[in-house]
């Protein structure tokens, strides 16, 4: 599915305004774990999926890594896969708006 630049920009703007407490792994591009001692660990979800892992396997990998590094984690930053979020949400949005 091709998404125009304007379409993606509108979704980026919308997503930035949402307070996130839970993010489905399908919507994450990368996870950056900031660790003690100015170290960091990056989990590139997009690459893992491209390499053939299932979302379930990626989620298991992320959980295992976070458990192993739990005592060292200072903060966690997520990079969202905006195109994936838009692809997931847009059909539902279209369906809801169609009913109005």
Protein backbone atom coordinates (compact mmCIF):
# COMPACT_ATOMS: atom_id res chain seq x y z
CA UNK A 1 0.00 0.00 0.00
CA UNK A 2 1.48 3.36 -1.03
CA UNK A 3 0.94 6.23 1.41
CA UNK A 4 1.46 9.81 0.29
CA UNK A 5 3.90 12.03 2.21
CA UNK A 6 1.00 14.24 3.31
CA UNK A 7 -0.91 11.22 4.60
CA UNK A 8 2.05 10.06 6.70
CA UNK A 9 2.69 13.61 8.02
CA UNK A 10 -0.93 13.91 9.18
CA UNK A 11 -0.64 10.61 11.04
CA UNK A 12 2.70 11.62 12.60
CA UNK A 13 1.07 14.78 13.89
CA UNK A 14 -1.90 12.86 15.29
CA UNK A 15 0.27 10.22 16.95
CA UNK A 16 2.48 12.80 18.65
CA UNK A 17 -0.59 14.11 20.48
CA UNK A 18 -1.57 10.72 21.94
CA UNK A 19 -0.50 9.78 25.45
CA UNK A 20 0.87 6.28 25.17
CA UNK A 21 0.77 3.74 27.96
CA UNK A 22 0.79 0.53 25.90
CA UNK A 23 2.18 0.13 22.39
CA UNK A 24 1.56 -2.99 20.31
CA UNK A 25 4.86 -4.39 19.03
CA UNK A 26 3.42 -4.17 15.49
CA UNK A 27 3.52 -0.36 15.81
CA UNK A 28 7.13 -0.06 16.94
CA UNK A 29 10.07 0.50 14.58
CA UNK A 30 12.86 0.67 17.20
CA UNK A 31 13.30 0.54 20.95
CA UNK A 32 16.15 2.42 22.57
CA UNK A 33 17.09 1.35 26.07
CA UNK A 34 19.19 3.98 27.83
CA UNK A 35 21.36 2.20 30.38
CA UNK A 36 23.47 3.22 33.34
CA UNK A 37 26.93 4.50 32.49
CA UNK A 38 25.73 6.32 29.37
CA UNK A 39 25.36 3.03 27.51
CA UNK A 40 22.44 2.09 25.33
CA UNK A 41 20.90 -0.91 23.63
CA UNK A 42 18.82 -0.57 20.47
CA UNK A 43 16.33 -3.20 19.37
CA UNK A 44 15.47 -2.68 15.72
CA UNK A 45 12.00 -4.23 15.48
CA UNK A 46 11.63 -3.41 11.78
CA UNK A 47 14.87 -5.24 10.95
CA UNK A 48 13.91 -8.27 13.03
CA UNK A 49 10.58 -8.51 11.20
CA UNK A 50 12.33 -8.03 7.84
CA UNK A 51 14.77 -10.82 8.82
CA UNK A 52 11.79 -13.18 9.20
CA UNK A 53 10.90 -13.15 12.89
CA UNK A 54 7.23 -13.11 13.81
CA UNK A 55 5.84 -10.27 15.92
CA UNK A 56 5.41 -12.80 18.74
CA UNK A 57 9.11 -13.78 18.55
CA UNK A 58 10.14 -10.13 18.49
CA UNK A 59 7.97 -9.39 21.52
CA UNK A 60 9.56 -12.34 23.35
CA UNK A 61 13.03 -11.02 22.43
CA UNK A 62 12.15 -7.53 23.67
CA UNK A 63 10.72 -8.87 26.95
CA UNK A 64 13.75 -11.10 27.54
CA UNK A 65 16.17 -8.24 26.83
CA UNK A 66 14.29 -5.88 29.14
CA UNK A 67 14.22 -8.45 31.94
CA UNK A 68 17.96 -9.12 31.53
CA UNK A 69 18.80 -5.40 31.59
CA UNK A 70 16.12 -4.34 34.08
CA UNK A 71 18.50 -3.21 36.83
CA UNK A 72 20.53 -1.12 34.33
CA UNK A 73 17.69 0.58 32.40
CA UNK A 74 17.47 4.32 33.00
CA UNK A 75 14.86 5.10 30.34
CA UNK A 76 13.14 3.63 27.31
CA UNK A 77 12.35 5.43 24.07
CA UNK A 78 10.21 4.08 21.26
CA UNK A 79 10.29 5.02 17.60
CA UNK A 80 6.90 4.30 16.11
CA UNK A 81 6.36 2.84 12.68
CA UNK A 82 3.97 5.59 11.61
CA UNK A 83 3.11 3.96 8.29
CA UNK A 84 2.19 0.71 10.06
CA UNK A 85 0.03 2.58 12.58
CA UNK A 86 -1.73 4.42 9.77
CA UNK A 87 -2.29 1.19 7.84
CA UNK A 88 -3.82 -0.40 10.94
CA UNK A 89 -6.00 2.52 12.01
CA UNK A 90 -7.08 4.12 8.73
CA UNK A 91 -9.51 1.34 7.66
CA UNK A 92 -11.19 1.48 11.08
CA UNK A 93 -11.37 5.27 10.89
CA UNK A 94 -12.86 5.11 7.38
CA UNK A 95 -15.44 2.58 8.57
CA UNK A 96 -16.46 4.74 11.54
CA UNK A 97 -16.70 7.91 9.45
CA UNK A 98 -18.74 6.12 6.81
CA UNK A 99 -21.40 5.35 9.42
CA UNK A 100 -21.83 9.02 10.40
